[in-house]
C-alpha atoms as a PDB file:
ATOM      1  CA  UNK A   1       1.431   0.614  19.031  1.00  0.00           C
ATOM      2  CA  UNK A   2       3.653  -2.401  18.199  1.00  0.00           C
ATOM      3  CA  UNK A   3       7.199  -2.743  19.507  1.00  0.00           C
ATOM      4  CA  UNK A   4      10.327  -3.182  17.407  1.00  0.00           C
ATOM      5  CA  UNK A   5      13.912  -4.271  18.036  1.00  0.00           C
ATOM      6  CA  UNK A   6      16.323  -2.068  16.096  1.00  0.00           C
ATOM      7  CA  UNK A   7      19.797  -3.548  15.736  1.00  0.00           C
ATOM      8  CA  UNK A   8      22.659  -1.368  14.487  1.00  0.00           C
ATOM      9  CA  UNK A   9      26.091  -2.603  13.424  1.00  0.00           C
ATOM     10  CA  UNK A  10      28.912  -0.029  13.504  1.00  0.00           C
ATOM     11  CA  UNK A  11      32.638  -0.024  14.109  1.00  0.00           C
ATOM     12  CA  UNK A  12      33.819   0.338  17.688  1.00  0.00           C
ATOM     13  CA  UNK A  13      35.221   3.767  16.798  1.00  0.00           C
ATOM     14  CA  UNK A  14      31.776   4.955  15.618  1.00  0.00           C
ATOM     15  CA  UNK A  15      29.977   3.592  18.668  1.00  0.00           C
ATOM     16  CA  UNK A  16      30.299   6.754  20.833  1.00  0.00           C
ATOM     17  CA  UNK A  17      28.700   8.840  18.060  1.00  0.00           C
ATOM     18  CA  UNK A  18      25.926   6.276  17.815  1.00  0.00           C
ATOM     19  CA  UNK A  19      25.212   6.499  21.546  1.00  0.00           C
ATOM     20  CA  UNK A  20      25.078  10.295  21.330  1.00  0.00           C
ATOM     21  CA  UNK A  21      22.362  10.088  18.674  1.00  0.00           C
ATOM     22  CA  UNK A  22      20.422   7.473  20.628  1.00  0.00           C
ATOM     23  CA  UNK A  23      20.609   9.547  23.809  1.00  0.00           C
ATOM     24  CA  UNK A  24      18.795  12.372  21.991  1.00  0.00           C
ATOM     25  CA  UNK A  25      15.877  10.018  21.290  1.00  0.00           C
ATOM     26  CA  UNK A  26      16.055   8.550  24.819  1.00  0.00           C
ATOM     27  CA  UNK A  27      14.885   5.003  23.972  1.00  0.00           C
ATOM     28  CA  UNK A  28      13.886   2.925  27.027  1.00  0.00           C
ATOM     29  CA  UNK A  29      16.237  -0.025  26.387  1.00  0.00           C
ATOM     30  CA  UNK A  30      19.709  -0.023  24.783  1.00  0.00           C
ATOM     31  CA  UNK A  31      22.430  -2.652  25.020  1.00  0.00           C
ATOM     32  CA  UNK A  32      25.382  -3.653  22.869  1.00  0.00           C
ATOM     33  CA  UNK A  33      27.563  -6.649  22.016  1.00  0.00           C
ATOM     34  CA  UNK A  34      31.109  -6.712  20.668  1.00  0.00           C
ATOM     35  CA  UNK A  35      31.541  -8.536  17.352  1.00  0.00           C
ATOM     36  CA  UNK A  36      34.565  -9.652  15.391  1.00  0.00           C
ATOM     37  CA  UNK A  37      36.603  -7.316  13.178  1.00  0.00           C
ATOM     38  CA  UNK A  38      36.296  -4.376  15.575  1.00  0.00           C
ATOM     39  CA  UNK A  39      32.529  -4.106  15.097  1.00  0.00           C
ATOM     40  CA  UNK A  40      29.808  -3.591  17.680  1.00  0.00           C
ATOM     41  CA  UNK A  41      26.116  -4.559  17.629  1.00  0.00           C
ATOM     42  CA  UNK A  42      23.802  -2.106  19.376  1.00  0.00           C
ATOM     43  CA  UNK A  43      20.249  -3.275  20.114  1.00  0.00           C
ATOM     44  CA  UNK A  44      17.464  -0.792  20.798  1.00  0.00           C
ATOM     45  CA  UNK A  45      13.984  -1.750  22.007  1.00  0.00           C
ATOM     46  CA  UNK A  46      11.460   0.949  21.168  1.00  0.00           C
ATOM     47  CA  UNK A  47       7.960   1.739  19.931  1.00  0.00           C
ATOM     48  CA  UNK A  48       7.400   1.350  16.197  1.00  0.00           C
ATOM     49  CA  UNK A  49       6.611   5.035  15.585  1.00  0.00           C
ATOM     50  CA  UNK A  50      10.122   5.993  16.758  1.00  0.00           C
ATOM     51  CA  UNK A  51      11.909   3.669  14.329  1.00  0.00           C
ATOM     52  CA  UNK A  52      11.767   5.944  11.273  1.00  0.00           C
ATOM     53  CA  UNK A  53      13.213   9.146  12.804  1.00  0.00           C
ATOM     54  CA  UNK A  54      15.965   7.187  14.547  1.00  0.00           C
ATOM     55  CA  UNK A  55      16.872   5.133  11.469  1.00  0.00           C
ATOM     56  CA  UNK A  56      16.847   8.284   9.298  1.00  0.00           C
ATOM     57  CA  UNK A  57      19.217   9.994  11.704  1.00  0.00           C
ATOM     58  CA  UNK A  58      21.505   6.956  11.774  1.00  0.00           C
ATOM     59  CA  UNK A  59      21.544   6.713   7.971  1.00  0.00           C
ATOM     60  CA  UNK A  60      22.412  10.412   7.697  1.00  0.00           C
ATOM     61  CA  UNK A  61      25.283   9.952  10.136  1.00  0.00           C
ATOM     62  CA  UNK A  62      26.680   6.550   9.176  1.00  0.00           C
ATOM     63  CA  UNK A  63      25.290   5.854   5.715  1.00  0.00           C
ATOM     64  CA  UNK A  64      28.696   6.212   4.059  1.00  0.00           C
ATOM     65  CA  UNK A  65      30.409   3.761   6.445  1.00  0.00           C
ATOM     66  CA  UNK A  66      31.109   0.319   4.967  1.00  0.00           C
ATOM     67  CA  UNK A  67      30.485  -1.567   8.228  1.00  0.00           C
ATOM     68  CA  UNK A  68      27.179   0.155   8.991  1.00  0.00           C
ATOM     69  CA  UNK A  69      23.955  -1.878   8.858  1.00  0.00           C
ATOM     70  CA  UNK A  70      20.463  -1.595  10.376  1.00  0.00           C
ATOM     71  CA  UNK A  71      18.271  -4.629  11.066  1.00  0.00           C
ATOM     72  CA  UNK A  72      14.637  -4.219  12.166  1.00  0.00           C
ATOM     73  CA  UNK A  73      12.806  -7.041  13.938  1.00  0.00           C
ATOM     74  CA  UNK A  74       9.187  -7.246  15.160  1.00  0.00           C
ATOM     75  CA  UNK A  75       8.660  -7.941  18.863  1.00  0.00           C
ATOM     76  CA  UNK A  76       5.668 -10.056  19.870  1.00  0.00           C
ATOM     77  CA  UNK A  77       5.942  -9.212  23.575  1.00  0.00           C
ATOM     78  CA  UNK A  78       8.374  -7.926  26.188  1.00  0.00           C
ATOM     79  CA  UNK A  79       8.400  -7.966  29.978  1.00  0.00           C
ATOM     80  CA  UNK A  80       8.344  -5.610  31.655  1.00  0.00           C
ATOM     81  CA  UNK A  81       6.350  -3.570  29.167  1.00  0.00           C
ATOM     82  CA  UNK A  82       7.807  -0.419  27.663  1.00  0.00           C
ATOM     83  CA  UNK A  83       6.705   2.745  29.475  1.00  0.00           C
ATOM     84  CA  UNK A  84       3.904   4.687  27.850  1.00  0.00           C
ATOM     85  CA  UNK A  85       5.034   7.959  26.199  1.00  0.00           C
ATOM     86  CA  UNK A  86       4.300  11.136  28.099  1.00  0.00           C
ATOM     87  CA  UNK A  87       2.157  13.750  26.351  1.00  0.00           C
ATOM     88  CA  UNK A  88       4.887  16.351  26.523  1.00  0.00           C
ATOM     89  CA  UNK A  89       7.464  13.942  25.102  1.00  0.00           C
ATOM     90  CA  UNK A  90       8.897  15.412  21.919  1.00  0.00           C
ATOM     91  CA  UNK A  91      12.410  14.044  21.306  1.00  0.00           C
ATOM     92  CA  UNK A  92      14.734  16.502  19.585  1.00  0.00           C
ATOM     93  CA  UNK A  93      15.714  13.736  17.209  1.00  0.00           C
ATOM     94  CA  UNK A  94      12.218  13.484  15.806  1.00  0.00           C
ATOM     95  CA  UNK A  95      11.802  17.223  15.520  1.00  0.00           C
ATOM     96  CA  UNK A  96      15.107  17.786  13.741  1.00  0.00           C
ATOM     97  CA  UNK A  97      15.502  14.646  11.655  1.00  0.00           C
ATOM     98  CA  UNK A  98      11.989  13.872  10.461  1.00  0.00           C
ATOM     99  CA  UNK A  99       8.430  15.015  10.143  1.00  0.00           C
ATOM    100  CA  UNK A 100       6.510  13.991  13.226  1.00  0.00           C
ATOM    101  CA  UNK A 101       3.578  11.797  12.103  1.00  0.00           C
ATOM    102  CA  UNK A 102       0.159  12.813  13.389  1.00  0.00           C
ATOM    103  CA  UNK A 103      -0.745   9.192  14.001  1.00  0.00           C
ATOM    104  CA  UNK A 104       1.391   6.347  15.224  1.00  0.00           C
ATOM    105  CA  UNK A 105       2.632   4.261  12.317  1.00  0.00           C
ATOM    106  CA  UNK A 106       5.353   1.840  11.350  1.00  0.00           C
ATOM    107  CA  UNK A 107       8.560   3.068   9.737  1.00  0.00           C
ATOM    108  CA  UNK A 108       8.873   3.875   6.048  1.00  0.00           C
ATOM    109  CA  UNK A 109      11.285   0.968   5.468  1.00  0.00           C
ATOM    110  CA  UNK A 110       8.968  -1.531   7.154  1.00  0.00           C
ATOM    111  CA  UNK A 111       6.012  -0.163   5.215  1.00  0.00           C
ATOM    112  CA  UNK A 112       7.868  -0.489   1.919  1.00  0.00           C
ATOM    113  CA  UNK A 113       8.959  -4.040   2.721  1.00  0.00           C
ATOM    114  CA  UNK A 114       5.447  -5.187   3.658  1.00  0.00           C
ATOM    115  CA  UNK A 115       3.777  -3.610   0.645  1.00  0.00           C
ATOM    116  CA  UNK A 116       6.419  -4.766  -1.842  1.00  0.00           C
ATOM    117  CA  UNK A 117       6.035  -8.343  -0.576  1.00  0.00           C
ATOM    118  CA  UNK A 118       2.260  -8.202  -1.045  1.00  0.00           C
ATOM    119  CA  UNK A 119       2.599  -6.786  -4.580  1.00  0.00           C
ATOM    120  CA  UNK A 120       4.836  -9.453  -6.111  1.00  0.00           C
ATOM    121  CA  UNK A 121       3.607 -11.114  -9.313  1.00  0.00           C
ATOM    122  CA  UNK A 122       4.025 -14.709  -8.201  1.00  0.00           C
ATOM    123  CA  UNK A 123       2.447 -17.807  -9.803  1.00  0.00           C
ATOM    124  CA  UNK A 124       0.137 -18.063  -6.777  1.00  0.00           C
ATOM    125  CA  UNK A 125      -0.967 -14.461  -7.313  1.00  0.00           C
ATOM    126  CA  UNK A 126      -1.822 -15.146 -10.962  1.00  0.00           C
ATOM    127  CA  UNK A 127      -3.626 -18.409 -10.192  1.00  0.00           C
ATOM    128  CA  UNK A 128      -5.699 -16.837  -7.425  1.00  0.00           C
ATOM    129  CA  UNK A 129      -6.695 -13.891  -9.629  1.00  0.00           C
ATOM    130  CA  UNK A 130      -7.749 -16.274 -12.421  1.00  0.00           C
ATOM    131  CA  UNK A 131      -9.825 -18.419 -10.068  1.00  0.00           C
ATOM    132  CA  UNK A 132     -11.415 -15.345  -8.503  1.00  0.00           C
ATOM    133  CA  UNK A 133     -12.323 -13.976 -11.940  1.00  0.00           C
ATOM    134  CA  UNK A 134     -14.078 -17.207 -12.955  1.00  0.00           C
ATOM    135  CA  UNK A 135     -15.952 -17.424  -9.637  1.00  0.00           C
ATOM    136  CA  UNK A 136     -16.949 -13.765  -9.913  1.00  0.00           C
ATOM    137  CA  UNK A 137     -18.196 -14.321 -13.475  1.00  0.00           C
ATOM    138  CA  UNK A 138     -20.382 -17.173 -12.253  1.00  0.00           C
ATOM    139  CA  UNK A 139     -21.763 -14.937  -9.511  1.00  0.00           C
ATOM    140  CA  UNK A 140     -22.517 -12.151 -11.992  1.00  0.00           C
ATOM    141  CA  UNK A 141     -24.348 -14.383 -14.436  1.00  0.00           C
ATOM    142  CA  UNK A 142     -26.257 -16.163 -11.669  1.00  0.00           C
ATOM    143  CA  UNK A 143     -27.052 -12.833 -10.012  1.00  0.00           C
ATOM    144  CA  UNK A 144     -25.643 -14.213  -6.748  1.00  0.00           C
ATOM    145  CA  UNK A 145     -24.040 -11.732  -4.304  1.00  0.00           C
ATOM    146  CA  UNK A 146     -22.841 -14.633  -2.139  1.00  0.00           C
ATOM    147  CA  UNK A 147     -20.747 -16.118  -4.960  1.00  0.00           C
ATOM    148  CA  UNK A 148     -19.350 -12.686  -5.837  1.00  0.00           C
ATOM    149  CA  UNK A 149     -18.329 -12.118  -2.216  1.00  0.00           C
ATOM    150  CA  UNK A 150     -16.595 -15.500  -2.222  1.00  0.00           C
ATOM    151  CA  UNK A 151     -14.610 -14.451  -5.285  1.00  0.00           C
ATOM    152  CA  UNK A 152     -13.557 -11.206  -3.605  1.00  0.00           C
ATOM    153  CA  UNK A 153     -12.177 -13.144  -0.640  1.00  0.00           C
ATOM    154  CA  UNK A 154      -9.906 -15.034  -3.063  1.00  0.00           C
ATOM    155  CA  UNK A 155      -8.594 -12.117  -5.137  1.00  0.00           C
ATOM    156  CA  UNK A 156      -5.193 -10.719  -3.959  1.00  0.00           C
ATOM    157  CA  UNK A 157      -5.654  -7.218  -5.385  1.00  0.00           C
ATOM    158  CA  UNK A 158      -4.750  -5.089  -2.347  1.00  0.00           C
ATOM    159  CA  UNK A 159      -0.949  -5.235  -2.582  1.00  0.00           C
ATOM    160  CA  UNK A 160      -0.414  -3.930  -6.138  1.00  0.00           C
ATOM    161  CA  UNK A 161      -2.622  -0.897  -5.562  1.00  0.00           C
ATOM    162  CA  UNK A 162      -1.078  -0.042  -2.185  1.00  0.00           C
ATOM    163  CA  UNK A 163       2.345  -0.355  -3.821  1.00  0.00           C
ATOM    164  CA  UNK A 164       1.284   2.028  -6.580  1.00  0.00           C
ATOM    165  CA  UNK A 165      -0.018   4.572  -4.052  1.00  0.00           C
ATOM    166  CA  UNK A 166       3.089   4.319  -1.864  1.00  0.00           C
ATOM    167  CA  UNK A 167       5.404   4.448  -4.878  1.00  0.00           C
ATOM    168  CA  UNK A 168       3.846   7.652  -6.158  1.00  0.00           C
ATOM    169  CA  UNK A 169       3.933   9.136  -2.641  1.00  0.00           C
ATOM    170  CA  UNK A 170       7.644   8.392  -2.212  1.00  0.00           C
ATOM    171  CA  UNK A 171       8.641   8.949  -5.825  1.00  0.00           C
ATOM    172  CA  UNK A 172      10.023   5.380  -5.947  1.00  0.00           C
ATOM    173  CA  UNK A 173      10.102   4.637  -9.677  1.00  0.00           C
ATOM    174  CA  UNK A 174      11.125   1.019  -9.151  1.00  0.00           C
ATOM    175  CA  UNK A 175       8.146   0.384  -6.888  1.00  0.00           C
ATOM    176  CA  UNK A 176       5.826   2.198  -9.302  1.00  0.00           C
ATOM    177  CA  UNK A 177       6.976   0.020 -12.203  1.00  0.00           C
ATOM    178  CA  UNK A 178       6.497  -3.171 -10.206  1.00  0.00           C
ATOM    179  CA  UNK A 179       3.080  -2.066  -9.010  1.00  0.00           C
ATOM    180  CA  UNK A 180       1.933  -1.171 -12.518  1.00  0.00           C
ATOM    181  CA  UNK A 181       3.189  -4.524 -13.784  1.00  0.00           C
ATOM    182  CA  UNK A 182       1.376  -6.414 -11.019  1.00  0.00           C
ATOM    183  CA  UNK A 183      -1.829  -4.472 -11.637  1.00  0.00           C
ATOM    184  CA  UNK A 184      -1.646  -5.036 -15.391  1.00  0.00           C
ATOM    185  CA  UNK A 185      -0.908  -8.744 -14.972  1.00  0.00           C
ATOM    186  CA  UNK A 186      -3.710  -9.197 -12.444  1.00  0.00           C
ATOM    187  CA  UNK A 187      -6.296  -7.246 -14.418  1.00  0.00           C
ATOM    188  CA  UNK A 188      -5.267  -8.896 -17.705  1.00  0.00           C
ATOM    189  CA  UNK A 189      -5.648 -12.372 -16.220  1.00  0.00           C
ATOM    190  CA  UNK A 190      -9.032 -11.461 -14.734  1.00  0.00           C
ATOM    191  CA  UNK A 191     -10.267 -10.010 -18.020  1.00  0.00           C
ATOM    192  CA  UNK A 192      -8.938 -12.949 -20.073  1.00  0.00           C
ATOM    193  CA  UNK A 193     -10.531 -15.580 -17.818  1.00  0.00           C
ATOM    194  CA  UNK A 194     -13.869 -13.782 -17.637  1.00  0.00           C
ATOM    195  CA  UNK A 195     -13.796 -13.097 -21.393  1.00  0.00           C
ATOM    196  CA  UNK A 196     -13.344 -16.813 -22.053  1.00  0.00           C
ATOM    197  CA  UNK A 197     -16.234 -17.477 -19.700  1.00  0.00           C
ATOM    198  CA  UNK A 198     -18.442 -14.954 -21.496  1.00  0.00           C
ATOM    199  CA  UNK A 199     -17.461 -16.288 -24.920  1.00  0.00           C
ATOM    200  CA  UNK A 200     -18.481 -19.851 -24.107  1.00  0.00           C
ATOM    201  CA  UNK A 201     -21.425 -19.171 -21.799  1.00  0.00           C
ATOM    202  CA  UNK A 202     -22.924 -16.230 -23.729  1.00  0.00           C
ATOM    203  CA  UNK A 203     -25.189 -14.658 -21.058  1.00  0.00           C
ATOM    204  CA  UNK A 204     -28.741 -14.314 -22.326  1.00  0.00           C
ATOM    205  CA  UNK A 205     -29.613 -11.172 -20.407  1.00  0.00           C
ATOM    206  CA  UNK A 206     -28.148  -8.533 -18.117  1.00  0.00           C
ATOM    207  CA  UNK A 207     -28.639  -9.577 -14.491  1.00  0.00           C
ATOM    208  CA  UNK A 208     -28.945  -6.972 -11.763  1.00  0.00           C
ATOM    209  CA  UNK A 209     -25.415  -7.705 -10.492  1.00  0.00           C
ATOM    210  CA  UNK A 210     -23.988  -7.434 -14.000  1.00  0.00           C
ATOM    211  CA  UNK A 211     -25.854  -4.233 -14.773  1.00  0.00           C
ATOM    212  CA  UNK A 212     -24.638  -2.650 -11.526  1.00  0.00           C
ATOM    213  CA  UNK A 213     -21.037  -3.086 -12.720  1.00  0.00           C
ATOM    214  CA  UNK A 214     -21.625  -1.007 -15.849  1.00  0.00           C
ATOM    215  CA  UNK A 215     -22.758   2.111 -13.992  1.00  0.00           C
ATOM    216  CA  UNK A 216     -20.536   4.553 -12.107  1.00  0.00           C
ATOM    217  CA  UNK A 217     -22.331   6.365  -9.297  1.00  0.00           C
ATOM    218  CA  UNK A 218     -21.418   8.127  -6.065  1.00  0.00           C
ATOM    219  CA  UNK A 219     -21.713   4.914  -4.059  1.00  0.00           C
ATOM    220  CA  UNK A 220     -19.057   3.184  -6.157  1.00  0.00           C
ATOM    221  CA  UNK A 221     -16.689   6.124  -5.717  1.00  0.00           C
ATOM    222  CA  UNK A 222     -17.225   6.209  -1.948  1.00  0.00           C
ATOM    223  CA  UNK A 223     -16.590   2.465  -1.651  1.00  0.00           C
ATOM    224  CA  UNK A 224     -13.360   2.757  -3.628  1.00  0.00           C
ATOM    225  CA  UNK A 225     -12.191   5.757  -1.594  1.00  0.00           C
ATOM    226  CA  UNK A 226     -12.966   3.943   1.658  1.00  0.00           C
ATOM    227  CA  UNK A 227     -11.180   0.807   0.428  1.00  0.00           C
ATOM    228  CA  UNK A 228      -7.992   2.673  -0.422  1.00  0.00           C
ATOM    229  CA  UNK A 229      -7.980   4.541   2.885  1.00  0.00           C
ATOM    230  CA  UNK A 230      -8.599   1.355   4.883  1.00  0.00           C
ATOM    231  CA  UNK A 231      -5.810  -0.453   3.052  1.00  0.00           C
ATOM    232  CA  UNK A 232      -3.305   2.319   3.720  1.00  0.00           C
ATOM    233  CA  UNK A 233      -4.288   2.540   7.400  1.00  0.00           C
ATOM    234  CA  UNK A 234      -3.953  -1.234   7.800  1.00  0.00           C
ATOM    235  CA  UNK A 235      -0.412  -1.221   6.411  1.00  0.00           C
ATOM    236  CA  UNK A 236       0.793   1.897   8.250  1.00  0.00           C
ATOM    237  CA  UNK A 237      -0.553   0.663  11.587  1.00  0.00           C
ATOM    238  CA  UNK A 238       1.017  -2.765  11.181  1.00  0.00           C
ATOM    239  CA  UNK A 239      -2.401  -4.425  11.386  1.00  0.00           C
ATOM    240  CA  UNK A 240      -3.389  -7.491   9.307  1.00  0.00           C
ATOM    241  CA  UNK A 241      -4.578  -6.334   5.885  1.00  0.00           C
ATOM    242  CA  UNK A 242      -6.377  -9.531   4.823  1.00  0.00           C
ATOM    243  CA  UNK A 243      -9.903  -8.329   5.501  1.00  0.00           C
ATOM    244  CA  UNK A 244      -9.148  -4.943   3.953  1.00  0.00           C
ATOM    245  CA  UNK A 245      -8.048  -6.767   0.808  1.00  0.00           C
ATOM    246  CA  UNK A 246     -11.623  -7.944   0.402  1.00  0.00           C
ATOM    247  CA  UNK A 247     -12.762  -4.304   0.362  1.00  0.00           C
ATOM    248  CA  UNK A 248     -10.359  -3.491  -2.455  1.00  0.00           C
ATOM    249  CA  UNK A 249     -11.530  -6.576  -4.342  1.00  0.00           C
ATOM    250  CA  UNK A 250     -15.117  -5.323  -3.929  1.00  0.00           C
ATOM    251  CA  UNK A 251     -14.190  -2.271  -5.970  1.00  0.00           C
ATOM    252  CA  UNK A 252     -12.014  -4.006  -8.572  1.00  0.00           C
ATOM    253  CA  UNK A 253     -12.847  -7.644  -9.173  1.00  0.00           C
ATOM    254  CA  UNK A 254     -16.584  -7.608 -10.100  1.00  0.00           C
ATOM    255  CA  UNK A 255     -16.335  -4.740 -12.623  1.00  0.00           C
ATOM    256  CA  UNK A 256     -13.177  -6.285 -14.106  1.00  0.00           C
ATOM    257  CA  UNK A 257     -14.936  -9.638 -14.492  1.00  0.00           C
ATOM    258  CA  UNK A 258     -17.931  -7.843 -15.992  1.00  0.00           C
ATOM    259  CA  UNK A 259     -15.626  -6.102 -18.485  1.00  0.00           C
ATOM    260  CA  UNK A 260     -14.150  -9.362 -19.677  1.00  0.00           C
ATOM    261  CA  UNK A 261     -17.393 -11.309 -19.725  1.00  0.00           C
ATOM    262  CA  UNK A 262     -19.274  -8.648 -21.686  1.00  0.00           C
ATOM    263  CA  UNK A 263     -16.384  -8.284 -24.138  1.00  0.00           C
ATOM    264  CA  UNK A 264     -16.245 -12.055 -24.605  1.00  0.00           C
ATOM    265  CA  UNK A 265     -19.971 -12.104 -25.298  1.00  0.00           C
ATOM    266  CA  UNK A 266     -19.648  -9.304 -27.863  1.00  0.00           C
ATOM    267  CA  UNK A 267     -21.179  -6.508 -25.771  1.00  0.00           C
ATOM    268  CA  UNK A 268     -18.427  -4.002 -26.399  1.00  0.00           C
ATOM    269  CA  UNK A 269     -20.336  -0.891 -25.334  1.00  0.00           C
ATOM    270  CA  UNK A 270     -21.312  -2.337 -21.976  1.00  0.00           C
ATOM    271  CA  UNK A 271     -17.793  -3.711 -21.576  1.00  0.00           C
ATOM    272  CA  UNK A 272     -16.437  -0.191 -22.075  1.00  0.00           C
ATOM    273  CA  UNK A 273     -18.761   1.139 -19.380  1.00  0.00           C
ATOM    274  CA  UNK A 274     -17.601  -1.570 -16.962  1.00  0.00           C
ATOM    275  CA  UNK A 275     -13.971  -0.796 -17.801  1.00  0.00           C
ATOM    276  CA  UNK A 276     -14.630   2.855 -16.948  1.00  0.00           C
ATOM    277  CA  UNK A 277     -15.834   1.757 -13.518  1.00  0.00           C
ATOM    278  CA  UNK A 278     -12.651  -0.289 -13.079  1.00  0.00           C
ATOM    279  CA  UNK A 279     -10.465   2.689 -13.975  1.00  0.00           C
ATOM    280  CA  UNK A 280     -12.453   5.004 -11.697  1.00  0.00           C
ATOM    281  CA  UNK A 281     -12.110   2.616  -8.776  1.00  0.00           C
ATOM    282  CA  UNK A 282      -8.356   2.203  -9.303  1.00  0.00           C
ATOM    283  CA  UNK A 283      -7.901   5.974  -9.308  1.00  0.00           C
ATOM    284  CA  UNK A 284     -10.101   6.426  -6.210  1.00  0.00           C
ATOM    285  CA  UNK A 285      -8.274   3.680  -4.289  1.00  0.00           C
ATOM    286  CA  UNK A 286      -4.896   5.220  -5.077  1.00  0.00           C
ATOM    287  CA  UNK A 287      -6.082   8.764  -4.383  1.00  0.00           C
ATOM    288  CA  UNK A 288      -7.374   7.919  -0.908  1.00  0.00           C
ATOM    289  CA  UNK A 289      -4.413   5.659  -0.080  1.00  0.00           C
ATOM    290  CA  UNK A 290      -1.946   8.362  -1.153  1.00  0.00           C
ATOM    291  CA  UNK A 291      -3.862  10.887   0.975  1.00  0.00           C
ATOM    292  CA  UNK A 292      -3.589   8.630   4.031  1.00  0.00           C
ATOM    293  CA  UNK A 293       0.146   8.119   3.468  1.00  0.00           C
ATOM    294  CA  UNK A 294       0.598  11.894   3.149  1.00  0.00           C
ATOM    295  CA  UNK A 295      -1.469  12.706   6.266  1.00  0.00           C
ATOM    296  CA  UNK A 296       0.461  10.134   8.295  1.00  0.00           C
ATOM    297  CA  UNK A 297       3.753  11.738   7.350  1.00  0.00           C
ATOM    298  CA  UNK A 298       5.099   9.135   4.929  1.00  0.00           C
ATOM    299  CA  UNK A 299       7.780  10.993   2.993  1.00  0.00           C
ATOM    300  CA  UNK A 300      10.829  10.079   0.890  1.00  0.00           C
ATOM    301  CA  UNK A 301      13.999   9.569   2.921  1.00  0.00           C
ATOM    302  CA  UNK A 302      16.588  12.314   3.160  1.00  0.00           C
ATOM    303  CA  UNK A 303      19.013  10.087   1.249  1.00  0.00           C
ATOM    304  CA  UNK A 304      16.646  10.079  -1.727  1.00  0.00           C
ATOM    305  CA  UNK A 305      15.948  13.828  -1.616  1.00  0.00           C
ATOM    306  CA  UNK A 306      18.483  16.465  -0.614  1.00  0.00           C
ATOM    307  CA  UNK A 307      15.785  19.021   0.130  1.00  0.00           C
ATOM    308  CA  UNK A 308      12.884  18.269   2.493  1.00  0.00           C
ATOM    309  CA  UNK A 309      10.672  20.749   0.648  1.00  0.00           C
ATOM    310  CA  UNK A 310      11.251  18.859  -2.599  1.00  0.00           C
ATOM    311  CA  UNK A 311      10.359  15.605  -0.882  1.00  0.00           C
ATOM    312  CA  UNK A 312       7.121  17.070   0.404  1.00  0.00           C
ATOM    313  CA  UNK A 313       6.323  18.513  -3.011  1.00  0.00           C
ATOM    314  CA  UNK A 314       6.793  15.050  -4.538  1.00  0.00           C
ATOM    315  CA  UNK A 315       4.020  13.711  -2.304  1.00  0.00           C
ATOM    316  CA  UNK A 316       1.765  16.652  -3.148  1.00  0.00           C
ATOM    317  CA  UNK A 317       2.373  16.060  -6.872  1.00  0.00           C
ATOM    318  CA  UNK A 318       1.240  12.465  -6.411  1.00  0.00           C
ATOM    319  CA  UNK A 319      -2.034  13.657  -4.874  1.00  0.00           C
ATOM    320  CA  UNK A 320      -2.497  16.150  -7.700  1.00  0.00           C
ATOM    321  CA  UNK A 321      -1.856  13.442 -10.302  1.00  0.00           C
ATOM    322  CA  UNK A 322      -4.523  11.102  -8.905  1.00  0.00           C
ATOM    323  CA  UNK A 323      -6.985  13.979  -8.476  1.00  0.00           C
ATOM    324  CA  UNK A 324      -6.478  15.020 -12.100  1.00  0.00           C
ATOM    325  CA  UNK A 325      -6.979  11.413 -13.243  1.00  0.00           C
ATOM    326  CA  UNK A 326     -10.260  11.224 -11.318  1.00  0.00           C
ATOM    327  CA  UNK A 327     -11.470  14.480 -12.869  1.00  0.00           C
ATOM    328  CA  UNK A 328     -10.565  13.197 -16.332  1.00  0.00           C
ATOM    329  CA  UNK A 329     -12.561  10.021 -15.745  1.00  0.00           C
ATOM    330  CA  UNK A 330     -15.467  12.057 -14.398  1.00  0.00           C
ATOM    331  CA  UNK A 331     -15.469  14.050 -17.624  1.00  0.00           C
ATOM    332  CA  UNK A 332     -15.451  10.810 -19.632  1.00  0.00           C
ATOM    333  CA  UNK A 333     -18.403   9.492 -17.625  1.00  0.00           C
ATOM    334  CA  UNK A 334     -20.391  12.674 -18.046  1.00  0.00           C
ATOM    335  CA  UNK A 335     -19.738  13.347 -21.718  1.00  0.00           C
ATOM    336  CA  UNK A 336     -18.997   9.949 -23.249  1.00  0.00           C
ATOM    337  CA  UNK A 337     -21.247   7.487 -21.423  1.00  0.00           C
ATOM    338  CA  UNK A 338     -24.203   9.762 -20.612  1.00  0.00           C
ATOM    339  CA  UNK A 339     -27.269   9.297 -22.785  1.00  0.00           C
END
């Protein structure tokens, strides 16, 4: 599990209370430095899975203090190494202040920061999605899996969907709005570019790769579920998510390009079937990602929810929402698109 340096700024008067809280968690390394204006900087070196319960406890205790601030820094290496946790170790701080995650993961704040950064609608994001859509359209019309795979490497579609899953899990409306905007912008650009391609190229026949993106089967659902779960695990473990982003693009980019290309060529029925696959994959990715976040104990902070039961219910409602959306799409597939 990665290591983090947690730095806490408090007043000198609050410092004894801070040390009492830290002693409950028993971190391996703690030191402090006096600052100007009667403030004190306390630095704590600890494993990443302990950051969230400690920071939650500190926010509960000092959140109303004007001088209070927490800074979290990644640590590439430290010598000597931190001692490995004992199996019986169960700090009271974690038990009382937070849910204990079943798997080691980074803190909620770090997770939110990483995912929000990857979900921003920047000019580079829009350019890369447009290029990926054109390349994917070429691969579909040429019936070339290699070209399609190349397009999926380009497309930055992981971040917006992980942000949507995390936002619904935490009940963060601001994150949900940003994620929806990023998804809509990305999908709109992909559809517009591929529609222009289809309008000017006018594919003569349905290639195997193109036909495959107009059919929703169990394999597509499993791929989307696996993609969402892998993306959530990559972010919560602090591992690089670049390769996982290709998996998400597998589920989203080709059917989105097929939707636009078929619509541009005038094949509205087939375009609707491809769009159904896109919607199904988005729901499956978010359902599995939300499930992973829930299983790993990602919950809203106590400052956002006054009742822990309400916070937990918010996460369960998110799972129910995505499950209902998947069932609704399944009904559409069965009754609307079946022959």
